[in-house]
Amino acid sequence: MRWASPRTWMRASAVSDLLGHFHLQHDLAAFEQLHFSVAGAEVRLKGQYELPSETLDFQGDLRMQAKLSQTVSGKKSFFLKLADPFFKKDGAGSVVPIRITGTRDDPKFALALFGKKQK
């Protein structure tokens, strides 16, 4: 049996409840809001997608049902229990600020704790 890489899982994940509003001008799609759900989480983003270069520049929140400490095991879980209260908001287990950059074929995912403000 051959196992797929995590990158393949991510691309194959089922997205549901996709909702977005955008303006298209000069090959640039500017998203005022882009919301979608995946198993156990909801993603809320703002940003832009440049069509010719397929460049991504999004920032927003990952709203998970689980607490941060529940997403890992062992020592990491123990230390993340200290951070759980800081990421709990509006009934979600965790709300984590994220940033997505890169290209459509090679996206980069990062925490946006100290990121630049949205344009």
PDB file of N, CA and C in Angstrom:
ATOM      1  N   MET A   1       0.844  -1.177   0.000  1.00  0.00           N
ATOM      2  CA  MET A   1       0.000   0.000   0.000  1.00  0.00           C
ATOM      3  C   MET A   1       0.885   1.234   0.000  1.00  0.00           C
ATOM      4  N   ARG A   2       0.534   2.221  -0.812  1.00  0.00           N
ATOM      5  CA  ARG A   2       1.319   3.448  -0.909  1.00  0.00           C
ATOM      6  C   ARG A   2       0.559   4.585  -0.237  1.00  0.00           C
ATOM      7  N   TRP A   3       1.252   5.319   0.626  1.00  0.00           N
ATOM      8  CA  TRP A   3       0.630   6.420   1.364  1.00  0.00           C
ATOM      9  C   TRP A   3       0.850   7.727   0.631  1.00  0.00           C
ATOM     10  N   ALA A   4      -0.146   8.582   0.653  1.00  0.00           N
ATOM     11  CA  ALA A   4      -0.043   9.904   0.040  1.00  0.00           C
ATOM     12  C   ALA A   4       0.668  10.859   0.986  1.00  0.00           C
ATOM     13  N   SER A   5       1.342  11.840   0.415  1.00  0.00           N
ATOM     14  CA  SER A   5       2.021  12.842   1.226  1.00  0.00           C
ATOM     15  C   SER A   5       0.996  13.786   1.843  1.00  0.00           C
ATOM     16  N   PRO A   6       1.356  14.498   2.928  1.00  0.00           N
ATOM     17  CA  PRO A   6       0.432  15.478   3.529  1.00  0.00           C
ATOM     18  C   PRO A   6      -0.030  16.530   2.533  1.00  0.00           C
ATOM     19  N   ARG A   7       0.840  16.942   1.613  1.00  0.00           N
ATOM     20  CA  ARG A   7       0.471  17.936   0.607  1.00  0.00           C
ATOM     21  C   ARG A   7      -0.662  17.397  -0.266  1.00  0.00           C
ATOM     22  N   THR A   8      -0.626  16.099  -0.589  1.00  0.00           N
ATOM     23  CA  THR A   8      -1.677  15.480  -1.381  1.00  0.00           C
ATOM     24  C   THR A   8      -2.976  15.446  -0.590  1.00  0.00           C
ATOM     25  N   TRP A   9      -2.906  15.126   0.695  1.00  0.00           N
ATOM     26  CA  TRP A   9      -4.106  15.104   1.526  1.00  0.00           C
ATOM     27  C   TRP A   9      -4.764  16.472   1.524  1.00  0.00           C
ATOM     28  N   MET A  10      -3.924  17.504   1.646  1.00  0.00           N
ATOM     29  CA  MET A  10      -4.443  18.855   1.728  1.00  0.00           C
ATOM     30  C   MET A  10      -5.195  19.202   0.441  1.00  0.00           C
ATOM     31  N   ARG A  11      -4.647  18.852  -0.693  1.00  0.00           N
ATOM     32  CA  ARG A  11      -5.295  19.161  -1.961  1.00  0.00           C
ATOM     33  C   ARG A  11      -6.542  18.312  -2.174  1.00  0.00           C
ATOM     34  N   ALA A  12      -6.564  17.135  -1.574  1.00  0.00           N
ATOM     35  CA  ALA A  12      -7.688  16.233  -1.776  1.00  0.00           C
ATOM     36  C   ALA A  12      -8.790  16.444  -0.737  1.00  0.00           C
ATOM     37  N   SER A  13      -8.560  17.318   0.242  1.00  0.00           N
ATOM     38  CA  SER A  13      -9.562  17.510   1.290  1.00  0.00           C
ATOM     39  C   SER A  13     -10.835  18.113   0.707  1.00  0.00           C
ATOM     40  N   ALA A  14     -11.945  17.732   1.307  1.00  0.00           N
ATOM     41  CA  ALA A  14     -13.250  18.191   0.823  1.00  0.00           C
ATOM     42  C   ALA A  14     -13.575  19.558   1.408  1.00  0.00           C
ATOM     43  N   VAL A  15     -13.759  20.525   0.548  1.00  0.00           N
ATOM     44  CA  VAL A  15     -14.154  21.864   0.958  1.00  0.00           C
ATOM     45  C   VAL A  15     -15.665  21.958   0.811  1.00  0.00           C
ATOM     46  N   SER A  16     -16.305  22.531   1.819  1.00  0.00           N
ATOM     47  CA  SER A  16     -17.757  22.711   1.734  1.00  0.00           C
ATOM     48  C   SER A  16     -18.121  24.124   2.162  1.00  0.00           C
ATOM     49  N   ASP A  17     -19.332  24.520   1.868  1.00  0.00           N
ATOM     50  CA  ASP A  17     -19.860  25.833   2.241  1.00  0.00           C
ATOM     51  C   ASP A  17     -18.966  26.972   1.758  1.00  0.00           C
ATOM     52  N   LEU A  18     -18.505  26.877   0.526  1.00  0.00           N
ATOM     53  CA  LEU A  18     -17.633  27.910  -0.036  1.00  0.00           C
ATOM     54  C   LEU A  18     -18.450  29.166  -0.320  1.00  0.00           C
ATOM     55  N   LEU A  19     -18.004  30.299   0.228  1.00  0.00           N
ATOM     56  CA  LEU A  19     -18.672  31.578   0.057  1.00  0.00           C
ATOM     57  C   LEU A  19     -17.614  32.651  -0.120  1.00  0.00           C
ATOM     58  N   GLY A  20     -17.775  33.501  -1.107  1.00  0.00           N
ATOM     59  CA  GLY A  20     -16.798  34.563  -1.297  1.00  0.00           C
ATOM     60  C   GLY A  20     -17.358  35.719  -2.094  1.00  0.00           C
ATOM     61  N   HIS A  21     -16.804  36.886  -1.851  1.00  0.00           N
ATOM     62  CA  HIS A  21     -17.112  38.091  -2.604  1.00  0.00           C
ATOM     63  C   HIS A  21     -15.778  38.660  -3.076  1.00  0.00           C
ATOM     64  N   PHE A  22     -15.709  39.001  -4.367  1.00  0.00           N
ATOM     65  CA  PHE A  22     -14.449  39.531  -4.877  1.00  0.00           C
ATOM     66  C   PHE A  22     -14.715  40.531  -6.000  1.00  0.00           C
ATOM     67  N   HIS A  23     -13.681  41.317  -6.286  1.00  0.00           N
ATOM     68  CA  HIS A  23     -13.680  42.247  -7.407  1.00  0.00           C
ATOM     69  C   HIS A  23     -12.531  41.845  -8.318  1.00  0.00           C
ATOM     70  N   LEU A  24     -12.794  41.779  -9.619  1.00  0.00           N
ATOM     71  CA  LEU A  24     -11.767  41.424 -10.591  1.00  0.00           C
ATOM     72  C   LEU A  24     -11.432  42.649 -11.412  1.00  0.00           C
ATOM     73  N   GLN A  25     -10.152  43.049 -11.340  1.00  0.00           N
ATOM     74  CA  GLN A  25      -9.707  44.218 -12.085  1.00  0.00           C
ATOM     75  C   GLN A  25      -8.246  44.030 -12.466  1.00  0.00           C
ATOM     76  N   HIS A  26      -7.933  44.173 -13.737  1.00  0.00           N
ATOM     77  CA  HIS A  26      -6.561  44.066 -14.234  1.00  0.00           C
ATOM     78  C   HIS A  26      -5.891  42.769 -13.780  1.00  0.00           C
ATOM     79  N   ASP A  27      -6.530  41.644 -13.996  1.00  0.00           N
ATOM     80  CA  ASP A  27      -5.993  40.310 -13.667  1.00  0.00           C
ATOM     81  C   ASP A  27      -5.738  40.097 -12.180  1.00  0.00           C
ATOM     82  N   LEU A  28      -6.390  40.866 -11.322  1.00  0.00           N
ATOM     83  CA  LEU A  28      -6.246  40.712  -9.883  1.00  0.00           C
ATOM     84  C   LEU A  28      -7.628  40.527  -9.259  1.00  0.00           C
ATOM     85  N   ALA A  29      -7.824  39.391  -8.611  1.00  0.00           N
ATOM     86  CA  ALA A  29      -9.075  39.121  -7.903  1.00  0.00           C
ATOM     87  C   ALA A  29      -8.865  39.496  -6.443  1.00  0.00           C
ATOM     88  N   ALA A  30      -9.541  40.546  -6.001  1.00  0.00           N
ATOM     89  CA  ALA A  30      -9.440  41.004  -4.618  1.00  0.00           C
ATOM     90  C   ALA A  30     -10.651  40.477  -3.854  1.00  0.00           C
ATOM     91  N   PHE A  31     -10.409  39.614  -2.884  1.00  0.00           N
ATOM     92  CA  PHE A  31     -11.473  38.991  -2.100  1.00  0.00           C
ATOM     93  C   PHE A  31     -11.730  39.794  -0.835  1.00  0.00           C
ATOM     94  N   GLU A  32     -12.932  40.328  -0.713  1.00  0.00           N
ATOM     95  CA  GLU A  32     -13.342  41.010   0.512  1.00  0.00           C
ATOM     96  C   GLU A  32     -13.561  39.988   1.612  1.00  0.00           C
ATOM     97  N   GLN A  33     -14.078  38.845   1.218  1.00  0.00           N
ATOM     98  CA  GLN A  33     -14.248  37.743   2.156  1.00  0.00           C
ATOM     99  C   GLN A  33     -14.241  36.437   1.374  1.00  0.00           C
ATOM    100  N   LEU A  34     -13.647  35.426   1.964  1.00  0.00           N
ATOM    101  CA  LEU A  34     -13.628  34.090   1.402  1.00  0.00           C
ATOM    102  C   LEU A  34     -13.750  33.138   2.581  1.00  0.00           C
ATOM    103  N   HIS A  35     -14.853  32.436   2.653  1.00  0.00           N
ATOM    104  CA  HIS A  35     -15.114  31.520   3.762  1.00  0.00           C
ATOM    105  C   HIS A  35     -15.331  30.129   3.198  1.00  0.00           C
ATOM    106  N   PHE A  36     -14.789  29.119   3.880  1.00  0.00           N
ATOM    107  CA  PHE A  36     -15.082  27.737   3.525  1.00  0.00           C
ATOM    108  C   PHE A  36     -14.831  26.852   4.732  1.00  0.00           C
ATOM    109  N   SER A  37     -15.356  25.643   4.658  1.00  0.00           N
ATOM    110  CA  SER A  37     -15.208  24.675   5.750  1.00  0.00           C
ATOM    111  C   SER A  37     -14.471  23.444   5.256  1.00  0.00           C
ATOM    112  N   VAL A  38     -13.707  22.851   6.142  1.00  0.00           N
ATOM    113  CA  VAL A  38     -13.099  21.543   5.947  1.00  0.00           C
ATOM    114  C   VAL A  38     -13.413  20.759   7.214  1.00  0.00           C
ATOM    115  N   ALA A  39     -13.152  19.485   7.228  1.00  0.00           N
ATOM    116  CA  ALA A  39     -13.488  18.655   8.387  1.00  0.00           C
ATOM    117  C   ALA A  39     -12.890  19.240   9.666  1.00  0.00           C
ATOM    118  N   GLY A  40     -13.743  19.637  10.601  1.00  0.00           N
ATOM    119  CA  GLY A  40     -13.308  20.111  11.904  1.00  0.00           C
ATOM    120  C   GLY A  40     -12.878  21.568  11.975  1.00  0.00           C
ATOM    121  N   ALA A  41     -13.007  22.304  10.867  1.00  0.00           N
ATOM    122  CA  ALA A  41     -12.538  23.695  10.892  1.00  0.00           C
ATOM    123  C   ALA A  41     -13.258  24.546   9.848  1.00  0.00           C
ATOM    124  N   GLU A  42     -13.210  25.849  10.095  1.00  0.00           N
ATOM    125  CA  GLU A  42     -13.738  26.842   9.169  1.00  0.00           C
ATOM    126  C   GLU A  42     -12.629  27.854   8.917  1.00  0.00           C
ATOM    127  N   VAL A  43     -12.496  28.293   7.667  1.00  0.00           N
ATOM    128  CA  VAL A  43     -11.460  29.250   7.295  1.00  0.00           C
ATOM    129  C   VAL A  43     -12.144  30.524   6.809  1.00  0.00           C
ATOM    130  N   ARG A  44     -11.702  31.666   7.346  1.00  0.00           N
ATOM    131  CA  ARG A  44     -12.221  32.978   6.958  1.00  0.00           C
ATOM    132  C   ARG A  44     -11.040  33.832   6.528  1.00  0.00           C
ATOM    133  N   LEU A  45     -11.030  34.243   5.267  1.00  0.00           N
ATOM    134  CA  LEU A  45      -9.888  34.953   4.705  1.00  0.00           C
ATOM    135  C   LEU A  45     -10.288  36.236   3.994  1.00  0.00           C
ATOM    136  N   LYS A  46      -9.310  37.129   3.836  1.00  0.00           N
ATOM    137  CA  LYS A  46      -9.365  38.304   2.971  1.00  0.00           C
ATOM    138  C   LYS A  46      -8.048  38.295   2.209  1.00  0.00           C
ATOM    139  N   GLY A  47      -8.052  38.842   1.006  1.00  0.00           N
ATOM    140  CA  GLY A  47      -6.790  38.920   0.296  1.00  0.00           C
ATOM    141  C   GLY A  47      -6.976  38.997  -1.192  1.00  0.00           C
ATOM    142  N   GLN A  48      -5.934  38.577  -1.904  1.00  0.00           N
ATOM    143  CA  GLN A  48      -5.967  38.697  -3.347  1.00  0.00           C
ATOM    144  C   GLN A  48      -5.289  37.517  -4.033  1.00  0.00           C
ATOM    145  N   TYR A  49      -5.701  37.310  -5.284  1.00  0.00           N
ATOM    146  CA  TYR A  49      -5.171  36.255  -6.128  1.00  0.00           C
ATOM    147  C   TYR A  49      -4.858  36.875  -7.480  1.00  0.00           C
ATOM    148  N   GLU A  50      -3.589  36.832  -7.870  1.00  0.00           N
ATOM    149  CA  GLU A  50      -3.183  37.385  -9.158  1.00  0.00           C
ATOM    150  C   GLU A  50      -3.272  36.287 -10.197  1.00  0.00           C
ATOM    151  N   LEU A  51      -4.118  36.499 -11.201  1.00  0.00           N
ATOM    152  CA  LEU A  51      -4.411  35.455 -12.175  1.00  0.00           C
ATOM    153  C   LEU A  51      -3.222  35.029 -13.037  1.00  0.00           C
ATOM    154  N   PRO A  52      -2.479  35.923 -13.700  1.00  0.00           N
ATOM    155  CA  PRO A  52      -1.412  35.436 -14.583  1.00  0.00           C
ATOM    156  C   PRO A  52      -0.332  34.633 -13.842  1.00  0.00           C
ATOM    157  N   SER A  53       0.088  35.119 -12.690  1.00  0.00           N
ATOM    158  CA  SER A  53       1.158  34.436 -11.946  1.00  0.00           C
ATOM    159  C   SER A  53       0.634  33.407 -10.954  1.00  0.00           C
ATOM    160  N   GLU A  54      -0.693  33.365 -10.753  1.00  0.00           N
ATOM    161  CA  GLU A  54      -1.350  32.469  -9.797  1.00  0.00           C
ATOM    162  C   GLU A  54      -0.788  32.656  -8.383  1.00  0.00           C
ATOM    163  N   THR A  55      -0.513  33.923  -8.032  1.00  0.00           N
ATOM    164  CA  THR A  55       0.061  34.270  -6.733  1.00  0.00           C
ATOM    165  C   THR A  55      -1.036  34.508  -5.703  1.00  0.00           C
ATOM    166  N   LEU A  56      -0.847  33.930  -4.514  1.00  0.00           N
ATOM    167  CA  LEU A  56      -1.787  34.052  -3.402  1.00  0.00           C
ATOM    168  C   LEU A  56      -1.264  35.039  -2.368  1.00  0.00           C
ATOM    169  N   ASP A  57      -2.156  35.819  -1.790  1.00  0.00           N
ATOM    170  CA  ASP A  57      -1.818  36.688  -0.663  1.00  0.00           C
ATOM    171  C   ASP A  57      -3.081  36.856   0.185  1.00  0.00           C
ATOM    172  N   PHE A  58      -3.263  35.949   1.139  1.00  0.00           N
ATOM    173  CA  PHE A  58      -4.457  35.932   1.975  1.00  0.00           C
ATOM    174  C   PHE A  58      -4.083  35.941   3.444  1.00  0.00           C
ATOM    175  N   GLN A  59      -4.948  36.538   4.231  1.00  0.00           N
ATOM    176  CA  GLN A  59      -4.774  36.560   5.676  1.00  0.00           C
ATOM    177  C   GLN A  59      -6.150  36.419   6.313  1.00  0.00           C
ATOM    178  N   GLY A  60      -6.209  35.703   7.435  1.00  0.00           N
ATOM    179  CA  GLY A  60      -7.487  35.525   8.103  1.00  0.00           C
ATOM    180  C   GLY A  60      -7.379  34.608   9.301  1.00  0.00           C
ATOM    181  N   ASP A  61      -8.460  33.868   9.546  1.00  0.00           N
ATOM    182  CA  ASP A  61      -8.524  33.011  10.729  1.00  0.00           C
ATOM    183  C   ASP A  61      -8.871  31.578  10.367  1.00  0.00           C
ATOM    184  N   LEU A  62      -8.255  30.656  11.077  1.00  0.00           N
ATOM    185  CA  LEU A  62      -8.598  29.248  11.051  1.00  0.00           C
ATOM    186  C   LEU A  62      -9.339  28.984  12.353  1.00  0.00           C
ATOM    187  N   ARG A  63     -10.629  28.659  12.258  1.00  0.00           N
ATOM    188  CA  ARG A  63     -11.475  28.431  13.428  1.00  0.00           C
ATOM    189  C   ARG A  63     -11.675  26.931  13.576  1.00  0.00           C
ATOM    190  N   MET A  64     -10.982  26.335  14.529  1.00  0.00           N
ATOM    191  CA  MET A  64     -11.024  24.888  14.719  1.00  0.00           C
ATOM    192  C   MET A  64     -11.996  24.505  15.832  1.00  0.00           C
ATOM    193  N   GLN A  65     -12.585  23.324  15.709  1.00  0.00           N
ATOM    194  CA  GLN A  65     -13.427  22.792  16.773  1.00  0.00           C
ATOM    195  C   GLN A  65     -12.564  22.352  17.953  1.00  0.00           C
ATOM    196  N   ALA A  66     -11.353  21.899  17.670  1.00  0.00           N
ATOM    197  CA  ALA A  66     -10.445  21.399  18.706  1.00  0.00           C
ATOM    198  C   ALA A  66      -9.639  22.535  19.335  1.00  0.00           C
ATOM    199  N   LYS A  67      -9.217  22.322  20.560  1.00  0.00           N
ATOM    200  CA  LYS A  67      -8.274  23.228  21.203  1.00  0.00           C
ATOM    201  C   LYS A  67      -6.898  22.969  20.593  1.00  0.00           C
ATOM    202  N   LEU A  68      -6.012  23.959  20.662  1.00  0.00           N
ATOM    203  CA  LEU A  68      -4.667  23.770  20.129  1.00  0.00           C
ATOM    204  C   LEU A  68      -3.983  22.551  20.733  1.00  0.00           C
ATOM    205  N   SER A  69      -4.133  22.376  22.029  1.00  0.00           N
ATOM    206  CA  SER A  69      -3.475  21.264  22.718  1.00  0.00           C
ATOM    207  C   SER A  69      -3.995  19.907  22.258  1.00  0.00           C
ATOM    208  N   GLN A  70      -5.164  19.882  21.628  1.00  0.00           N
ATOM    209  CA  GLN A  70      -5.732  18.626  21.139  1.00  0.00           C
ATOM    210  C   GLN A  70      -5.254  18.278  19.730  1.00  0.00           C
ATOM    211  N   THR A  71      -4.495  19.163  19.100  1.00  0.00           N
ATOM    212  CA  THR A  71      -4.041  18.917  17.734  1.00  0.00           C
ATOM    213  C   THR A  71      -2.699  18.196  17.674  1.00  0.00           C
ATOM    214  N   VAL A  72      -2.033  18.056  18.816  1.00  0.00           N
ATOM    215  CA  VAL A  72      -0.746  17.356  18.893  1.00  0.00           C
ATOM    216  C   VAL A  72      -0.764  16.439  20.114  1.00  0.00           C
ATOM    217  N   SER A  73       0.312  15.673  20.275  1.00  0.00           N
ATOM    218  CA  SER A  73       0.379  14.777  21.430  1.00  0.00           C
ATOM    219  C   SER A  73       1.716  14.962  22.152  1.00  0.00           C
ATOM    220  N   GLY A  74       1.840  14.303  23.282  1.00  0.00           N
ATOM    221  CA  GLY A  74       3.089  14.323  24.039  1.00  0.00           C
ATOM    222  C   GLY A  74       3.374  15.649  24.718  1.00  0.00           C
ATOM    223  N   LYS A  75       4.662  16.000  24.761  1.00  0.00           N
ATOM    224  CA  LYS A  75       5.096  17.227  25.436  1.00  0.00           C
ATOM    225  C   LYS A  75       4.505  18.481  24.795  1.00  0.00           C
ATOM    226  N   LYS A  76       4.369  18.458  23.470  1.00  0.00           N
ATOM    227  CA  LYS A  76       3.807  19.625  22.783  1.00  0.00           C
ATOM    228  C   LYS A  76       2.393  19.905  23.278  1.00  0.00           C
ATOM    229  N   SER A  77       1.618  18.860  23.475  1.00  0.00           N
ATOM    230  CA  SER A  77       0.255  19.019  23.964  1.00  0.00           C
ATOM    231  C   SER A  77       0.236  19.667  25.343  1.00  0.00           C
ATOM    232  N   PHE A  78       1.137  19.235  26.204  1.00  0.00           N
ATOM    233  CA  PHE A  78       1.225  19.785  27.557  1.00  0.00           C
ATOM    234  C   PHE A  78       1.486  21.294  27.515  1.00  0.00           C
ATOM    235  N   PHE A  79       2.459  21.716  26.703  1.00  0.00           N
ATOM    236  CA  PHE A  79       2.810  23.131  26.652  1.00  0.00           C
ATOM    237  C   PHE A  79       1.743  23.967  25.941  1.00  0.00           C
ATOM    238  N   LEU A  80       1.063  23.385  24.960  1.00  0.00           N
ATOM    239  CA  LEU A  80       0.007  24.124  24.275  1.00  0.00           C
ATOM    240  C   LEU A  80      -1.223  24.332  25.147  1.00  0.00           C
ATOM    241  N   LYS A  81      -1.379  23.529  26.192  1.00  0.00           N
ATOM    242  CA  LYS A  81      -2.501  23.747  27.116  1.00  0.00           C
ATOM    243  C   LYS A  81      -2.397  25.126  27.759  1.00  0.00           C
ATOM    244  N   LEU A  82      -1.181  25.624  27.911  1.00  0.00           N
ATOM    245  CA  LEU A  82      -0.985  26.970  28.455  1.00  0.00           C
ATOM    246  C   LEU A  82      -1.488  28.044  27.485  1.00  0.00           C
ATOM    247  N   ALA A  83      -1.422  27.760  26.186  1.00  0.00           N
ATOM    248  CA  ALA A  83      -1.833  28.732  25.172  1.00  0.00           C
ATOM    249  C   ALA A  83      -3.315  28.634  24.824  1.00  0.00           C
ATOM    250  N   ASP A  84      -3.964  27.530  25.157  1.00  0.00           N
ATOM    251  CA  ASP A  84      -5.370  27.325  24.791  1.00  0.00           C
ATOM    252  C   ASP A  84      -6.278  28.516  25.113  1.00  0.00           C
ATOM    253  N   PRO A  85      -6.213  29.106  26.310  1.00  0.00           N
ATOM    254  CA  PRO A  85      -7.121  30.224  26.617  1.00  0.00           C
ATOM    255  C   PRO A  85      -6.948  31.441  25.699  1.00  0.00           C
ATOM    256  N   PHE A  86      -5.735  31.644  25.170  1.00  0.00           N
ATOM    257  CA  PHE A  86      -5.481  32.804  24.315  1.00  0.00           C
ATOM    258  C   PHE A  86      -6.078  32.647  22.920  1.00  0.00           C
ATOM    259  N   PHE A  87      -6.346  31.411  22.501  1.00  0.00           N
ATOM    260  CA  PHE A  87      -6.863  31.145  21.163  1.00  0.00           C
ATOM    261  C   PHE A  87      -8.326  30.729  21.156  1.00  0.00           C
ATOM    262  N   LYS A  88      -8.967  30.720  22.310  1.00  0.00           N
ATOM    263  CA  LYS A  88     -10.383  30.353  22.398  1.00  0.00           C
ATOM    264  C   LYS A  88     -11.221  31.620  22.204  1.00  0.00           C
ATOM    265  N   LYS A  89     -12.129  31.588  21.202  1.00  0.00           N
ATOM    266  CA  LYS A  89     -12.979  32.745  20.919  1.00  0.00           C
ATOM    267  C   LYS A  89     -14.319  32.293  20.363  1.00  0.00           C
ATOM    268  N   ASP A  90     -15.340  33.012  20.678  1.00  0.00           N
ATOM    269  CA  ASP A  90     -16.658  32.867  20.052  1.00  0.00           C
ATOM    270  C   ASP A  90     -17.143  31.419  19.949  1.00  0.00           C
ATOM    271  N   GLY A  91     -16.912  30.635  20.973  1.00  0.00           N
ATOM    272  CA  GLY A  91     -17.396  29.260  20.988  1.00  0.00           C
ATOM    273  C   GLY A  91     -16.561  28.263  20.210  1.00  0.00           C
ATOM    274  N   ALA A  92     -15.516  28.715  19.539  1.00  0.00           N
ATOM    275  CA  ALA A  92     -14.633  27.800  18.809  1.00  0.00           C
ATOM    276  C   ALA A  92     -13.620  27.210  19.782  1.00  0.00           C
ATOM    277  N   GLY A  93     -13.120  26.024  19.474  1.00  0.00           N
ATOM    278  CA  GLY A  93     -12.071  25.428  20.296  1.00  0.00           C
ATOM    279  C   GLY A  93     -10.803  26.255  20.233  1.00  0.00           C
ATOM    280  N   SER A  94     -10.462  26.717  19.011  1.00  0.00           N
ATOM    281  CA  SER A  94      -9.302  27.574  18.791  1.00  0.00           C
ATOM    282  C   SER A  94      -9.544  28.445  17.572  1.00  0.00           C
ATOM    283  N   VAL A  95      -9.089  29.684  17.650  1.00  0.00           N
ATOM    284  CA  VAL A  95      -9.090  30.586  16.502  1.00  0.00           C
ATOM    285  C   VAL A  95      -7.648  31.025  16.314  1.00  0.00           C
ATOM    286  N   VAL A  96      -7.077  30.647  15.182  1.00  0.00           N
ATOM    287  CA  VAL A  96      -5.662  30.891  14.921  1.00  0.00           C
ATOM    288  C   VAL A  96      -5.534  31.824  13.716  1.00  0.00           C
ATOM    289  N   PRO A  97      -4.820  32.957  13.861  1.00  0.00           N
ATOM    290  CA  PRO A  97      -4.602  33.840  12.717  1.00  0.00           C
ATOM    291  C   PRO A  97      -3.607  33.197  11.744  1.00  0.00           C
ATOM    292  N   ILE A  98      -3.978  33.161  10.465  1.00  0.00           N
ATOM    293  CA  ILE A  98      -3.132  32.509   9.467  1.00  0.00           C
ATOM    294  C   ILE A  98      -2.859  33.432   8.291  1.00  0.00           C
ATOM    295  N   ARG A  99      -1.857  33.075   7.525  1.00  0.00           N
ATOM    296  CA  ARG A  99      -1.495  33.788   6.300  1.00  0.00           C
ATOM    297  C   ARG A  99      -1.176  32.734   5.246  1.00  0.00           C
ATOM    298  N   ILE A 100      -1.697  32.934   4.039  1.00  0.00           N
ATOM    299  CA  ILE A 100      -1.426  32.026   2.928  1.00  0.00           C
ATOM    300  C   ILE A 100      -0.824  32.846   1.796  1.00  0.00           C
ATOM    301  N   THR A 101       0.391  32.494   1.404  1.00  0.00           N
ATOM    302  CA  THR A 101       1.089  33.180   0.321  1.00  0.00           C
ATOM    303  C   THR A 101       1.631  32.115  -0.643  1.00  0.00           C
ATOM    304  N   GLY A 102       2.442  32.535  -1.580  1.00  0.00           N
ATOM    305  CA  GLY A 102       3.010  31.599  -2.547  1.00  0.00           C
ATOM    306  C   GLY A 102       2.178  31.568  -3.809  1.00  0.00           C
ATOM    307  N   THR A 103       2.186  30.416  -4.456  1.00  0.00           N
ATOM    308  CA  THR A 103       1.428  30.245  -5.692  1.00  0.00           C
ATOM    309  C   THR A 103       0.391  29.149  -5.519  1.00  0.00           C
ATOM    310  N   ARG A 104      -0.473  29.035  -6.490  1.00  0.00           N
ATOM    311  CA  ARG A 104      -1.516  28.004  -6.440  1.00  0.00           C
ATOM    312  C   ARG A 104      -0.895  26.616  -6.340  1.00  0.00           C
ATOM    313  N   ASP A 105       0.187  26.370  -7.062  1.00  0.00           N
ATOM    314  CA  ASP A 105       0.843  25.060  -7.039  1.00  0.00           C
ATOM    315  C   ASP A 105       1.768  24.860  -5.849  1.00  0.00           C
ATOM    316  N   ASP A 106       2.189  25.949  -5.213  1.00  0.00           N
ATOM    317  CA  ASP A 106       3.118  25.856  -4.083  1.00  0.00           C
ATOM    318  C   ASP A 106       2.719  26.861  -3.000  1.00  0.00           C
ATOM    319  N   PRO A 107       1.558  26.628  -2.342  1.00  0.00           N
ATOM    320  CA  PRO A 107       1.117  27.573  -1.309  1.00  0.00           C
ATOM    321  C   PRO A 107       1.968  27.471  -0.051  1.00  0.00           C
ATOM    322  N   LYS A 108       2.104  28.591   0.646  1.00  0.00           N
ATOM    323  CA  LYS A 108       2.843  28.655   1.910  1.00  0.00           C
ATOM    324  C   LYS A 108       1.859  29.041   3.008  1.00  0.00           C
ATOM    325  N   PHE A 109       1.789  28.231   4.047  1.00  0.00           N
ATOM    326  CA  PHE A 109       0.873  28.465   5.161  1.00  0.00           C
ATOM    327  C   PHE A 109       1.685  28.864   6.382  1.00  0.00           C
ATOM    328  N   ALA A 110       1.254  29.915   7.086  1.00  0.00           N
ATOM    329  CA  ALA A 110       1.998  30.391   8.244  1.00  0.00           C
ATOM    330  C   ALA A 110       1.052  30.994   9.281  1.00  0.00           C
ATOM    331  N   LEU A 111       1.502  31.018  10.528  1.00  0.00           N
ATOM    332  CA  LEU A 111       0.792  31.769  11.556  1.00  0.00           C
ATOM    333  C   LEU A 111       0.976  33.241  11.275  1.00  0.00           C
ATOM    334  N   ALA A 112      -0.043  34.022  11.562  1.00  0.00           N
ATOM    335  CA  ALA A 112       0.023  35.464  11.316  1.00  0.00           C
ATOM    336  C   ALA A 112      -0.060  36.215  12.650  1.00  0.00           C
ATOM    337  N   LEU A 113       0.654  35.742  13.639  1.00  0.00           N
ATOM    338  CA  LEU A 113       0.598  36.386  14.956  1.00  0.00           C
ATOM    339  C   LEU A 113       1.144  37.796  14.914  1.00  0.00           C
ATOM    340  N   PHE A 114       2.199  38.007  14.137  1.00  0.00           N
ATOM    341  CA  PHE A 114       2.832  39.326  14.064  1.00  0.00           C
ATOM    342  C   PHE A 114       2.967  39.761  12.620  1.00  0.00           C
ATOM    343  N   GLY A 115       2.048  39.288  11.744  1.00  0.00           N
ATOM    344  CA  GLY A 115       2.126  39.579  10.310  1.00  0.00           C
ATOM    345  C   GLY A 115       1.758  40.997   9.984  1.00  0.00           C
ATOM    346  N   LYS A 116       2.041  41.366   8.715  1.00  0.00           N
ATOM    347  CA  LYS A 116       1.678  42.712   8.272  1.00  0.00           C
ATOM    348  C   LYS A 116       0.183  42.816   8.130  1.00  0.00           C
ATOM    349  N   LYS A 117      -0.321  44.029   8.236  1.00  0.00           N
ATOM    350  CA  LYS A 117      -1.758  44.259   8.150  1.00  0.00           C
ATOM    351  C   LYS A 117      -2.238  44.075   6.727  1.00  0.00           C
ATOM    352  N   GLN A 118      -3.506  43.713   6.615  1.00  0.00           N
ATOM    353  CA  GLN A 118      -4.133  43.477   5.314  1.00  0.00           C
ATOM    354  C   GLN A 118      -4.152  44.751   4.495  1.00  0.00           C
ATOM    355  N   LYS A 119      -3.870  44.636   3.204  1.00  0.00           N
ATOM    356  CA  LYS A 119      -3.896  45.793   2.309  1.00  0.00           C
ATOM    357  C   LYS A 119      -5.299  46.241   2.052  1.00  0.00           C
TER     358      LYS A 119
END
